[in-house]
Amino acid sequence: MISFEVVGLVCALLGAVLVTARSSRVRAAGFASWVVGNTAWALYAASAGAVLLQVQFVAFLFLAMLGLLNNVK
């Protein structure tokens, strides 16, 4: 089974590459990748009992959702 850490890592890196694109559709895919990755990291932090890390990634999750909404048109 793929761990939350692996999903978080892959989605974070993929998102970082995609949000640099000129196309808003590609940027939206990057933010969507961050939504998945930040969710994975928040779940990992919860399972590890790292409350402050979980708060951080939940905040990142909401920011990624905002970025996604701003790029979907």
Protein backbone atom coordinates (compact mmCIF):
# COMPACT_ATOMS: atom_id res chain seq x y z
CA MET A 1 0.00 0.00 0.00
CA ILE A 2 1.26 3.49 -0.85
CA SER A 3 1.76 5.63 2.24
CA PHE A 4 0.47 9.14 2.90
CA GLU A 5 4.09 10.31 2.81
CA VAL A 6 4.63 9.03 -0.73
CA VAL A 7 1.37 10.54 -1.99
CA GLY A 8 2.19 13.85 -0.28
CA LEU A 9 5.69 13.95 -1.73
CA VAL A 10 4.70 13.10 -5.30
CA CYS A 11 1.73 15.48 -5.34
CA ALA A 12 3.74 18.33 -3.80
CA LEU A 13 6.47 18.06 -6.41
CA LEU A 14 4.05 17.58 -9.29
CA GLY A 15 1.98 20.56 -8.14
CA ALA A 16 5.07 22.77 -7.86
CA VAL A 17 5.93 22.02 -11.49
CA LEU A 18 2.39 22.45 -12.80
CA VAL A 19 1.62 25.79 -11.11
CA THR A 20 4.49 27.40 -13.05
CA ALA A 21 2.63 26.89 -16.34
CA ARG A 22 1.16 29.75 -18.35
CA SER A 23 -2.10 27.89 -18.94
CA SER A 24 -4.70 28.32 -16.21
CA ARG A 25 -5.91 24.76 -16.85
CA VAL A 26 -2.45 23.36 -16.18
CA ARG A 27 -2.08 25.59 -13.11
CA ALA A 28 -5.46 24.29 -11.92
CA ALA A 29 -4.11 20.75 -12.24
CA GLY A 30 -1.17 21.80 -10.07
CA PHE A 31 -3.47 23.16 -7.39
CA ALA A 32 -5.56 19.98 -7.60
CA SER A 33 -2.38 17.99 -7.07
CA TRP A 34 -1.64 20.11 -4.01
CA VAL A 35 -5.17 19.47 -2.69
CA VAL A 36 -4.50 15.73 -2.83
CA GLY A 37 -0.97 16.07 -1.45
CA ASN A 38 -1.91 18.39 1.40
CA THR A 39 -4.75 16.07 2.34
CA ALA A 40 -2.28 13.18 2.45
CA TRP A 41 0.17 15.17 4.60
CA ALA A 42 -2.61 16.26 6.97
CA LEU A 43 -3.70 12.63 7.36
CA TYR A 44 -0.09 11.57 7.94
CA ALA A 45 0.34 14.27 10.59
CA ALA A 46 -2.88 13.17 12.30
CA SER A 47 -1.74 9.55 12.34
CA ALA A 48 1.63 10.62 13.78
CA GLY A 49 0.02 12.80 16.45
CA ALA A 50 1.73 15.92 15.05
CA VAL A 51 -1.05 18.43 15.71
CA LEU A 52 0.78 21.58 14.61
CA LEU A 53 1.93 19.93 11.39
CA GLN A 54 -1.65 18.86 10.76
CA VAL A 55 -2.86 22.44 11.28
CA GLN A 56 -0.21 23.65 8.81
CA PHE A 57 -1.25 21.23 6.09
CA VAL A 58 -4.96 21.87 6.62
CA ALA A 59 -4.19 25.58 6.07
CA PHE A 60 -2.20 24.68 2.93
CA LEU A 61 -5.15 22.54 1.82
CA PHE A 62 -7.54 25.48 1.99
CA LEU A 63 -5.07 27.72 0.15
CA ALA A 64 -4.67 25.10 -2.58
CA MET A 65 -8.46 24.87 -2.88
CA LEU A 66 -8.61 28.65 -3.28
CA GLY A 67 -5.91 28.50 -5.96
CA LEU A 68 -7.83 25.75 -7.73
CA LEU A 69 -11.02 27.80 -7.73
CA ASN A 70 -9.16 30.85 -9.04
CA ASN A 71 -7.76 28.88 -11.99
CA VAL A 72 -10.85 26.91 -13.05
CA LYS A 73 -12.75 28.92 -15.62
